[in-house]
Amino acid sequence: MQVVPSQRMGMPFADSPLSLYRALRTLNPSPYLFYYNFDDFHIVGSSPEILVRREKDKVIVRPIAGTRLRGTTPEEDAANEQDLLNDAKETAEHVMLIDLGRNDVGRISQTGQVRVTEKMTVEKYSHVMHIVSNVEGRLKEGVSNIDILAATFPAGTLSGAPKVRAMEIIEELEPEKRGIYGGAVGVWSFNNDMDLAIAIRTAVIKNGTLHVQSGAGVVADSDPEAEWQETQNKARAVIRAAQMVQEGLDK
C-alpha cells in the first residue's frame, strides 16, 4: 500500500500575484501554467501533471511518481536520473500507480482498449525530475466528462493506492483540508474535449500569505527524512519564484 501525505507551507507575500505568475513561467515552465484572480485570493500554478485529458473518444492519464533533484552539472543530472530509475522503491511505487491508472481508465473504456503507451520515462523540470508513464483508453459509448472525472479523480499520485483507503488515512493524518491542492485546473471545451491538470506546484495567496502544499508517496519501508525532503523539493520552484518577486529579480 502507498499513501501520499502532504504538508502546507506558508510565507509572507504582499507583492503582485501576477508577478509571481510571470516569475514562475520563467523559472519553472511546465505544460500547465495558470493564474486565477478571485478578488480576495489568487491561485497561481505551474503544474507538470495531467489529471485527465479527453480527445474525442480517447481518454488519457499520465501518472508522475518518483522524484529526484536536478543536478548542478550534466554529469550529476545524468547520475540522478540513473539513480531514480534504479531505485527499487520508486519504480515499484510507479508501477503501482500505472496499474491504478489502468484501472481508473478501464472503468470508462471499451473492453480491451486500455494501453500503456509510454512507460517509465524521465521528464526534467527546473528543480526536479520525475518518472512518467502514459495510459490511454478508448471511451465507451455515452461516457460523459462527469463520468470521466468520477473515474479518475483524485489522481492516484496525490492519494496513493488503494485509493479509497489511502484517502481515509490522509483524512485522519492531515491537519487541514487540502483546498485546491490536488484538485483540477484546465479547460472543458464546447466540443466536449477536456484537458485538466492536477493542481500541484500551485500557490494560494490570501491575506498577505502565500501557501504552497506538496506531498510524497509513503510505503512501509520509506525513509521519513527522504520523503519529507521530497515535499520540500517539490515546493521549491514556487517558493523560489516568490522570493524572486520579493527581491525584484522578476523584472
C-alpha atoms as a PDB file:
ATOM      1  CA  MET A   1       0.000   0.000   0.000  1.00  0.00           C
ATOM      2  CA  GLN A   2       1.056   3.585  -0.656  1.00  0.00           C
ATOM      3  CA  VAL A   3      -0.249   6.817   0.883  1.00  0.00           C
ATOM      4  CA  VAL A   4       0.664  10.350  -0.249  1.00  0.00           C
ATOM      5  CA  PRO A   5       0.520  12.613   2.828  1.00  0.00           C
ATOM      6  CA  SER A   6       1.229  16.283   2.230  1.00  0.00           C
ATOM      7  CA  GLN A   7       2.220  19.362   4.171  1.00  0.00           C
ATOM      8  CA  ARG A   8       1.307  23.000   3.668  1.00  0.00           C
ATOM      9  CA  MET A   9       3.994  25.677   3.825  1.00  0.00           C
ATOM     10  CA  GLY A  10       3.456  29.410   4.117  1.00  0.00           C
ATOM     11  CA  MET A  11       5.434  32.619   3.714  1.00  0.00           C
ATOM     12  CA  PRO A  12       4.571  36.332   3.824  1.00  0.00           C
ATOM     13  CA  PHE A  13       3.781  37.661   0.348  1.00  0.00           C
ATOM     14  CA  ALA A  14       2.457  41.180  -0.246  1.00  0.00           C
ATOM     15  CA  ASP A  15       3.597  41.545  -3.863  1.00  0.00           C
ATOM     16  CA  SER A  16       1.634  41.152  -7.086  1.00  0.00           C
ATOM     17  CA  PRO A  17       0.293  37.619  -7.725  1.00  0.00           C
ATOM     18  CA  LEU A  18       0.596  38.342 -11.443  1.00  0.00           C
ATOM     19  CA  SER A  19       4.305  38.994 -10.923  1.00  0.00           C
ATOM     20  CA  LEU A  20       4.537  35.601  -9.239  1.00  0.00           C
ATOM     21  CA  TYR A  21       2.914  34.022 -12.289  1.00  0.00           C
ATOM     22  CA  ARG A  22       5.434  35.719 -14.572  1.00  0.00           C
ATOM     23  CA  ALA A  23       8.340  34.589 -12.397  1.00  0.00           C
ATOM     24  CA  LEU A  24       7.016  31.035 -12.292  1.00  0.00           C
ATOM     25  CA  ARG A  25       6.686  30.962 -16.087  1.00  0.00           C
ATOM     26  CA  THR A  26      10.358  31.873 -16.352  1.00  0.00           C
ATOM     27  CA  LEU A  27      11.698  29.758 -13.511  1.00  0.00           C
ATOM     28  CA  ASN A  28       9.609  26.600 -13.910  1.00  0.00           C
ATOM     29  CA  PRO A  29       7.968  26.407 -17.354  1.00  0.00           C
ATOM     30  CA  SER A  30       5.528  23.500 -17.320  1.00  0.00           C
ATOM     31  CA  PRO A  31       2.794  22.101 -19.575  1.00  0.00           C
ATOM     32  CA  TYR A  32       0.115  23.807 -17.463  1.00  0.00           C
ATOM     33  CA  LEU A  33       0.541  27.403 -16.281  1.00  0.00           C
ATOM     34  CA  PHE A  34      -2.371  29.257 -14.701  1.00  0.00           C
ATOM     35  CA  TYR A  35      -3.354  32.433 -12.862  1.00  0.00           C
ATOM     36  CA  TYR A  36      -6.757  32.978 -11.253  1.00  0.00           C
ATOM     37  CA  ASN A  37      -7.891  36.207  -9.597  1.00  0.00           C
ATOM     38  CA  PHE A  38     -10.800  35.592  -7.220  1.00  0.00           C
ATOM     39  CA  ASP A  39     -10.662  39.117  -5.756  1.00  0.00           C
ATOM     40  CA  ASP A  40      -9.986  38.119  -2.137  1.00  0.00           C
ATOM     41  CA  PHE A  41      -7.473  35.409  -3.062  1.00  0.00           C
ATOM     42  CA  HIS A  42      -5.367  34.291  -6.019  1.00  0.00           C
ATOM     43  CA  ILE A  43      -4.270  30.915  -7.367  1.00  0.00           C
ATOM     44  CA  VAL A  44      -1.021  30.720  -9.336  1.00  0.00           C
ATOM     45  CA  GLY A  45       0.441  27.466 -10.587  1.00  0.00           C
ATOM     46  CA  SER A  46       2.878  25.659 -12.837  1.00  0.00           C
ATOM     47  CA  SER A  47       1.773  22.028 -12.983  1.00  0.00           C
ATOM     48  CA  PRO A  48       3.605  19.280 -14.873  1.00  0.00           C
ATOM     49  CA  GLU A  49       0.888  16.646 -14.485  1.00  0.00           C
ATOM     50  CA  ILE A  50      -2.300  15.758 -16.333  1.00  0.00           C
ATOM     51  CA  LEU A  51      -5.258  14.745 -14.205  1.00  0.00           C
ATOM     52  CA  VAL A  52      -7.158  13.546 -17.272  1.00  0.00           C
ATOM     53  CA  ARG A  53      -7.438  14.514 -20.929  1.00  0.00           C
ATOM     54  CA  ARG A  54     -10.242  13.716 -23.367  1.00  0.00           C
ATOM     55  CA  GLU A  55      -9.684  13.917 -27.120  1.00  0.00           C
ATOM     56  CA  LYS A  56     -12.921  12.855 -28.871  1.00  0.00           C
ATOM     57  CA  ASP A  57     -13.318   9.204 -27.808  1.00  0.00           C
ATOM     58  CA  LYS A  58      -9.823   8.861 -26.322  1.00  0.00           C
ATOM     59  CA  VAL A  59      -9.058   9.347 -22.617  1.00  0.00           C
ATOM     60  CA  ILE A  60      -5.533   9.859 -21.268  1.00  0.00           C
ATOM     61  CA  VAL A  61      -3.995   9.834 -17.804  1.00  0.00           C
ATOM     62  CA  ARG A  62      -0.293  10.391 -17.241  1.00  0.00           C
ATOM     63  CA  PRO A  63       0.920   9.370 -13.772  1.00  0.00           C
ATOM     64  CA  ILE A  64       4.014  11.114 -12.443  1.00  0.00           C
ATOM     65  CA  ALA A  65       5.664   9.407  -9.478  1.00  0.00           C
ATOM     66  CA  GLY A  66       9.303   9.189  -8.461  1.00  0.00           C
ATOM     67  CA  THR A  67      11.367  12.319  -7.927  1.00  0.00           C
ATOM     68  CA  ARG A  68      14.984  13.452  -7.829  1.00  0.00           C
ATOM     69  CA  LEU A  69      16.574  16.887  -7.711  1.00  0.00           C
ATOM     70  CA  ARG A  70      18.119  18.207 -10.905  1.00  0.00           C
ATOM     71  CA  GLY A  71      21.900  18.063 -10.945  1.00  0.00           C
ATOM     72  CA  THR A  72      24.107  21.129 -10.997  1.00  0.00           C
ATOM     73  CA  THR A  73      26.147  19.688 -13.905  1.00  0.00           C
ATOM     74  CA  PRO A  74      25.169  17.452 -16.860  1.00  0.00           C
ATOM     75  CA  GLU A  75      27.088  14.604 -15.242  1.00  0.00           C
ATOM     76  CA  GLU A  76      25.295  14.991 -11.899  1.00  0.00           C
ATOM     77  CA  ASP A  77      21.967  15.299 -13.716  1.00  0.00           C
ATOM     78  CA  ALA A  78      22.576  12.036 -15.578  1.00  0.00           C
ATOM     79  CA  ALA A  79      23.662  10.324 -12.355  1.00  0.00           C
ATOM     80  CA  ASN A  80      20.496  11.487 -10.564  1.00  0.00           C
ATOM     81  CA  GLU A  81      18.371  10.209 -13.441  1.00  0.00           C
ATOM     82  CA  GLN A  82      20.033   6.801 -13.327  1.00  0.00           C
ATOM     83  CA  ASP A  83      19.716   6.691  -9.548  1.00  0.00           C
ATOM     84  CA  LEU A  84      15.990   7.400  -9.869  1.00  0.00           C
ATOM     85  CA  LEU A  85      15.427   4.650 -12.436  1.00  0.00           C
ATOM     86  CA  ASN A  86      17.493   2.180 -10.380  1.00  0.00           C
ATOM     87  CA  ASP A  87      15.615   2.887  -7.138  1.00  0.00           C
ATOM     88  CA  ALA A  88      13.526  -0.231  -6.478  1.00  0.00           C
ATOM     89  CA  LYS A  89      11.134   1.598  -4.146  1.00  0.00           C
ATOM     90  CA  GLU A  90      10.475   4.432  -6.601  1.00  0.00           C
ATOM     91  CA  THR A  91       9.938   2.097  -9.557  1.00  0.00           C
ATOM     92  CA  ALA A  92       7.699  -0.258  -7.556  1.00  0.00           C
ATOM     93  CA  GLU A  93       5.525   2.666  -6.465  1.00  0.00           C
ATOM     94  CA  HIS A  94       5.364   3.920 -10.037  1.00  0.00           C
ATOM     95  CA  VAL A  95       4.253   0.510 -11.333  1.00  0.00           C
ATOM     96  CA  MET A  96       1.529   0.502  -8.655  1.00  0.00           C
ATOM     97  CA  LEU A  97       0.303   3.867  -9.939  1.00  0.00           C
ATOM     98  CA  ILE A  98       0.381   2.699 -13.562  1.00  0.00           C
ATOM     99  CA  ASP A  99      -1.886  -0.167 -12.510  1.00  0.00           C
ATOM    100  CA  LEU A 100      -4.165   2.274 -10.692  1.00  0.00           C
ATOM    101  CA  GLY A 101      -4.290   4.470 -13.809  1.00  0.00           C
ATOM    102  CA  ARG A 102      -5.167   1.467 -15.964  1.00  0.00           C
ATOM    103  CA  ASN A 103      -7.920   0.542 -13.525  1.00  0.00           C
ATOM    104  CA  ASP A 104      -9.356   4.081 -13.491  1.00  0.00           C
ATOM    105  CA  VAL A 105      -9.268   4.351 -17.285  1.00  0.00           C
ATOM    106  CA  GLY A 106     -10.649   0.821 -17.650  1.00  0.00           C
ATOM    107  CA  ARG A 107     -13.833   1.771 -15.778  1.00  0.00           C
ATOM    108  CA  ILE A 108     -14.867   4.107 -18.621  1.00  0.00           C
ATOM    109  CA  SER A 109     -13.173   2.435 -21.607  1.00  0.00           C
ATOM    110  CA  GLN A 110     -14.183  -0.278 -24.024  1.00  0.00           C
ATOM    111  CA  THR A 111     -13.079  -3.790 -23.122  1.00  0.00           C
ATOM    112  CA  GLY A 112      -9.534  -4.467 -24.306  1.00  0.00           C
ATOM    113  CA  GLN A 113      -8.963  -0.825 -25.290  1.00  0.00           C
ATOM    114  CA  VAL A 114      -6.655   0.338 -22.475  1.00  0.00           C
ATOM    115  CA  ARG A 115      -2.953   0.658 -23.318  1.00  0.00           C
ATOM    116  CA  VAL A 116       0.208   1.873 -21.624  1.00  0.00           C
ATOM    117  CA  THR A 117       1.683   3.914 -24.488  1.00  0.00           C
ATOM    118  CA  GLU A 118       4.704   5.239 -22.594  1.00  0.00           C
ATOM    119  CA  LYS A 119       6.292   3.528 -19.610  1.00  0.00           C
ATOM    120  CA  MET A 120       8.698   4.940 -17.044  1.00  0.00           C
ATOM    121  CA  THR A 121      10.448   7.691 -18.935  1.00  0.00           C
ATOM    122  CA  VAL A 122      12.090  10.617 -17.125  1.00  0.00           C
ATOM    123  CA  GLU A 123      10.835  14.181 -17.562  1.00  0.00           C
ATOM    124  CA  LYS A 124      13.005  17.037 -16.328  1.00  0.00           C
ATOM    125  CA  TYR A 125      11.876  20.385 -14.943  1.00  0.00           C
ATOM    126  CA  SER A 126      13.758  23.332 -13.475  1.00  0.00           C
ATOM    127  CA  HIS A 127      14.284  21.904  -9.978  1.00  0.00           C
ATOM    128  CA  VAL A 128      13.269  18.231 -10.131  1.00  0.00           C
ATOM    129  CA  MET A 129      12.915  15.256 -12.468  1.00  0.00           C
ATOM    130  CA  HIS A 130      10.127  12.668 -12.407  1.00  0.00           C
ATOM    131  CA  ILE A 131       9.322   9.184 -13.713  1.00  0.00           C
ATOM    132  CA  VAL A 132       6.342   9.451 -16.082  1.00  0.00           C
ATOM    133  CA  SER A 133       4.061   6.975 -17.860  1.00  0.00           C
ATOM    134  CA  ASN A 134       1.107   7.380 -20.226  1.00  0.00           C
ATOM    135  CA  VAL A 135      -2.136   5.369 -20.101  1.00  0.00           C
ATOM    136  CA  GLU A 136      -4.783   5.694 -22.838  1.00  0.00           C
ATOM    137  CA  GLY A 137      -8.228   4.194 -23.347  1.00  0.00           C
ATOM    138  CA  ARG A 138     -10.996   4.220 -25.964  1.00  0.00           C
ATOM    139  CA  LEU A 139     -14.142   5.516 -24.274  1.00  0.00           C
ATOM    140  CA  LYS A 140     -17.354   3.538 -24.074  1.00  0.00           C
ATOM    141  CA  GLU A 141     -20.366   4.971 -25.872  1.00  0.00           C
ATOM    142  CA  GLY A 142     -22.223   7.604 -23.879  1.00  0.00           C
ATOM    143  CA  VAL A 143     -19.488   8.362 -21.351  1.00  0.00           C
ATOM    144  CA  SER A 144     -19.722  11.990 -20.193  1.00  0.00           C
ATOM    145  CA  ASN A 145     -16.960  14.209 -18.880  1.00  0.00           C
ATOM    146  CA  ILE A 146     -18.522  13.938 -15.424  1.00  0.00           C
ATOM    147  CA  ASP A 147     -18.219  10.147 -15.725  1.00  0.00           C
ATOM    148  CA  ILE A 148     -14.550  10.587 -16.651  1.00  0.00           C
ATOM    149  CA  LEU A 149     -13.919  12.833 -13.644  1.00  0.00           C
ATOM    150  CA  ALA A 150     -15.728  10.420 -11.337  1.00  0.00           C
ATOM    151  CA  ALA A 151     -13.494   7.581 -12.553  1.00  0.00           C
ATOM    152  CA  THR A 152     -10.170   9.393 -12.348  1.00  0.00           C
ATOM    153  CA  PHE A 153     -10.432  11.993  -9.547  1.00  0.00           C
ATOM    154  CA  PRO A 154      -8.478  12.363  -7.361  1.00  0.00           C
ATOM    155  CA  ALA A 155      -5.285  11.285  -9.068  1.00  0.00           C
ATOM    156  CA  GLY A 156      -3.618   8.271  -7.511  1.00  0.00           C
ATOM    157  CA  THR A 157      -0.346  10.191  -7.476  1.00  0.00           C
ATOM    158  CA  LEU A 158      -1.922  12.586  -4.933  1.00  0.00           C
ATOM    159  CA  SER A 159      -3.739   9.976  -2.856  1.00  0.00           C
ATOM    160  CA  GLY A 160      -1.957   6.632  -3.069  1.00  0.00           C
ATOM    161  CA  ALA A 161      -3.278   3.130  -3.671  1.00  0.00           C
ATOM    162  CA  PRO A 162      -5.678   1.515  -2.983  1.00  0.00           C
ATOM    163  CA  LYS A 163      -7.227   4.922  -3.475  1.00  0.00           C
ATOM    164  CA  VAL A 164     -10.189   4.861  -1.077  1.00  0.00           C
ATOM    165  CA  ARG A 165      -8.200   3.545   1.897  1.00  0.00           C
ATOM    166  CA  ALA A 166      -5.353   5.964   1.146  1.00  0.00           C
ATOM    167  CA  MET A 167      -7.791   8.887   1.221  1.00  0.00           C
ATOM    168  CA  GLU A 168      -9.183   7.684   4.542  1.00  0.00           C
ATOM    169  CA  ILE A 169      -5.677   7.695   6.033  1.00  0.00           C
ATOM    170  CA  ILE A 170      -4.985  11.168   4.623  1.00  0.00           C
ATOM    171  CA  GLU A 171      -8.221  12.390   6.226  1.00  0.00           C
ATOM    172  CA  GLU A 172      -7.010  11.032   9.563  1.00  0.00           C
ATOM    173  CA  LEU A 173      -3.476  12.455   9.353  1.00  0.00           C
ATOM    174  CA  GLU A 174      -3.583  15.852   7.657  1.00  0.00           C
ATOM    175  CA  PRO A 175      -4.470  18.756   9.984  1.00  0.00           C
ATOM    176  CA  GLU A 176      -6.324  20.838   7.369  1.00  0.00           C
ATOM    177  CA  LYS A 177      -8.401  20.345   4.227  1.00  0.00           C
ATOM    178  CA  ARG A 178      -6.349  20.321   1.040  1.00  0.00           C
ATOM    179  CA  GLY A 179      -8.352  23.022  -0.735  1.00  0.00           C
ATOM    180  CA  ILE A 180      -7.133  23.475  -4.315  1.00  0.00           C
ATOM    181  CA  TYR A 181      -4.109  21.226  -3.737  1.00  0.00           C
ATOM    182  CA  GLY A 182      -4.561  18.016  -5.711  1.00  0.00           C
ATOM    183  CA  GLY A 183      -7.661  19.394  -7.429  1.00  0.00           C
ATOM    184  CA  ALA A 184      -8.202  20.069 -11.123  1.00  0.00           C
ATOM    185  CA  VAL A 185      -7.407  23.109 -13.264  1.00  0.00           C
ATOM    186  CA  GLY A 186      -7.956  23.266 -17.002  1.00  0.00           C
ATOM    187  CA  VAL A 187     -10.260  23.514 -19.995  1.00  0.00           C
ATOM    188  CA  TRP A 188     -13.596  21.889 -20.839  1.00  0.00           C
ATOM    189  CA  SER A 189     -14.311  22.758 -24.478  1.00  0.00           C
ATOM    190  CA  PHE A 190     -17.639  23.242 -26.248  1.00  0.00           C
ATOM    191  CA  ASN A 191     -16.892  20.164 -28.378  1.00  0.00           C
ATOM    192  CA  ASN A 192     -16.599  18.153 -25.114  1.00  0.00           C
ATOM    193  CA  ASP A 193     -12.837  17.714 -25.288  1.00  0.00           C
ATOM    194  CA  MET A 194     -11.289  18.230 -21.868  1.00  0.00           C
ATOM    195  CA  ASP A 195      -7.761  18.894 -20.629  1.00  0.00           C
ATOM    196  CA  LEU A 196      -7.298  19.080 -16.860  1.00  0.00           C
ATOM    197  CA  ALA A 197      -4.111  19.413 -14.847  1.00  0.00           C
ATOM    198  CA  ILE A 198      -3.567  18.423 -11.237  1.00  0.00           C
ATOM    199  CA  ALA A 199      -3.196  21.484  -9.008  1.00  0.00           C
ATOM    200  CA  ILE A 200       0.358  20.893  -7.819  1.00  0.00           C
ATOM    201  CA  ARG A 201       3.296  23.351  -7.791  1.00  0.00           C
ATOM    202  CA  THR A 202       0.488  25.781  -7.003  1.00  0.00           C
ATOM    203  CA  ALA A 203       0.322  28.797  -4.697  1.00  0.00           C
ATOM    204  CA  VAL A 204      -2.738  30.192  -2.957  1.00  0.00           C
ATOM    205  CA  ILE A 205      -2.245  33.836  -1.973  1.00  0.00           C
ATOM    206  CA  LYS A 206      -4.623  35.258   0.621  1.00  0.00           C
ATOM    207  CA  ASN A 207      -4.401  37.906   3.341  1.00  0.00           C
ATOM    208  CA  GLY A 208      -0.726  38.615   2.692  1.00  0.00           C
ATOM    209  CA  THR A 209       0.363  34.976   2.899  1.00  0.00           C
ATOM    210  CA  LEU A 210       1.425  32.572   0.175  1.00  0.00           C
ATOM    211  CA  HIS A 211       0.538  28.935   0.800  1.00  0.00           C
ATOM    212  CA  VAL A 212       2.028  26.033  -1.154  1.00  0.00           C
ATOM    213  CA  GLN A 213       1.404  22.355  -0.479  1.00  0.00           C
ATOM    214  CA  SER A 214       3.265  19.231  -1.570  1.00  0.00           C
ATOM    215  CA  GLY A 215       3.336  15.551  -0.727  1.00  0.00           C
ATOM    216  CA  ALA A 216       5.379  12.388  -1.103  1.00  0.00           C
ATOM    217  CA  GLY A 217       4.468   8.740  -1.538  1.00  0.00           C
ATOM    218  CA  VAL A 218       4.972   6.718   1.644  1.00  0.00           C
ATOM    219  CA  VAL A 219       5.150   2.917   1.846  1.00  0.00           C
ATOM    220  CA  ALA A 220       6.092   0.554   4.676  1.00  0.00           C
ATOM    221  CA  ASP A 221       9.854   0.833   4.128  1.00  0.00           C
ATOM    222  CA  SER A 222      10.018   4.566   3.334  1.00  0.00           C
ATOM    223  CA  ASP A 223      12.715   6.780   4.833  1.00  0.00           C
ATOM    224  CA  PRO A 224      10.726   9.543   6.594  1.00  0.00           C
ATOM    225  CA  GLU A 225      13.519  12.104   6.230  1.00  0.00           C
ATOM    226  CA  ALA A 226      13.807  11.447   2.486  1.00  0.00           C
ATOM    227  CA  GLU A 227      10.050  11.741   1.979  1.00  0.00           C
ATOM    228  CA  TRP A 228       9.948  14.992   3.975  1.00  0.00           C
ATOM    229  CA  GLN A 229      12.783  16.337   1.833  1.00  0.00           C
ATOM    230  CA  GLU A 230      10.853  15.409  -1.309  1.00  0.00           C
ATOM    231  CA  THR A 231       7.988  17.651  -0.214  1.00  0.00           C
ATOM    232  CA  GLN A 232      10.495  20.495   0.175  1.00  0.00           C
ATOM    233  CA  ASN A 233      11.978  19.843  -3.258  1.00  0.00           C
ATOM    234  CA  LYS A 234       8.561  19.892  -4.920  1.00  0.00           C
ATOM    235  CA  ALA A 235       7.646  23.224  -3.311  1.00  0.00           C
ATOM    236  CA  ARG A 236      10.991  24.799  -4.156  1.00  0.00           C
ATOM    237  CA  ALA A 237      10.063  26.264  -7.552  1.00  0.00           C
ATOM    238  CA  VAL A 238       7.046  28.160  -6.209  1.00  0.00           C
ATOM    239  CA  ILE A 239       8.945  29.425  -3.165  1.00  0.00           C
ATOM    240  CA  ARG A 240      11.920  30.494  -5.259  1.00  0.00           C
ATOM    241  CA  ALA A 241       9.634  32.320  -7.721  1.00  0.00           C
ATOM    242  CA  ALA A 242       8.054  34.198  -4.800  1.00  0.00           C
ATOM    243  CA  GLN A 243      11.497  35.135  -3.490  1.00  0.00           C
ATOM    244  CA  MET A 244      12.465  36.407  -6.958  1.00  0.00           C
ATOM    245  CA  VAL A 245       9.450  38.726  -6.940  1.00  0.00           C
ATOM    246  CA  GLN A 246      10.213  39.952  -3.420  1.00  0.00           C
ATOM    247  CA  GLU A 247      13.823  40.660  -4.382  1.00  0.00           C
ATOM    248  CA  GLY A 248      12.827  42.423  -7.607  1.00  0.00           C
ATOM    249  CA  LEU A 249      14.550  39.802  -9.750  1.00  0.00           C
ATOM    250  CA  ASP A 250      11.460  39.087 -11.861  1.00  0.00           C
ATOM    251  CA  LYS A 251      11.789  42.326 -13.815  1.00  0.00           C
END
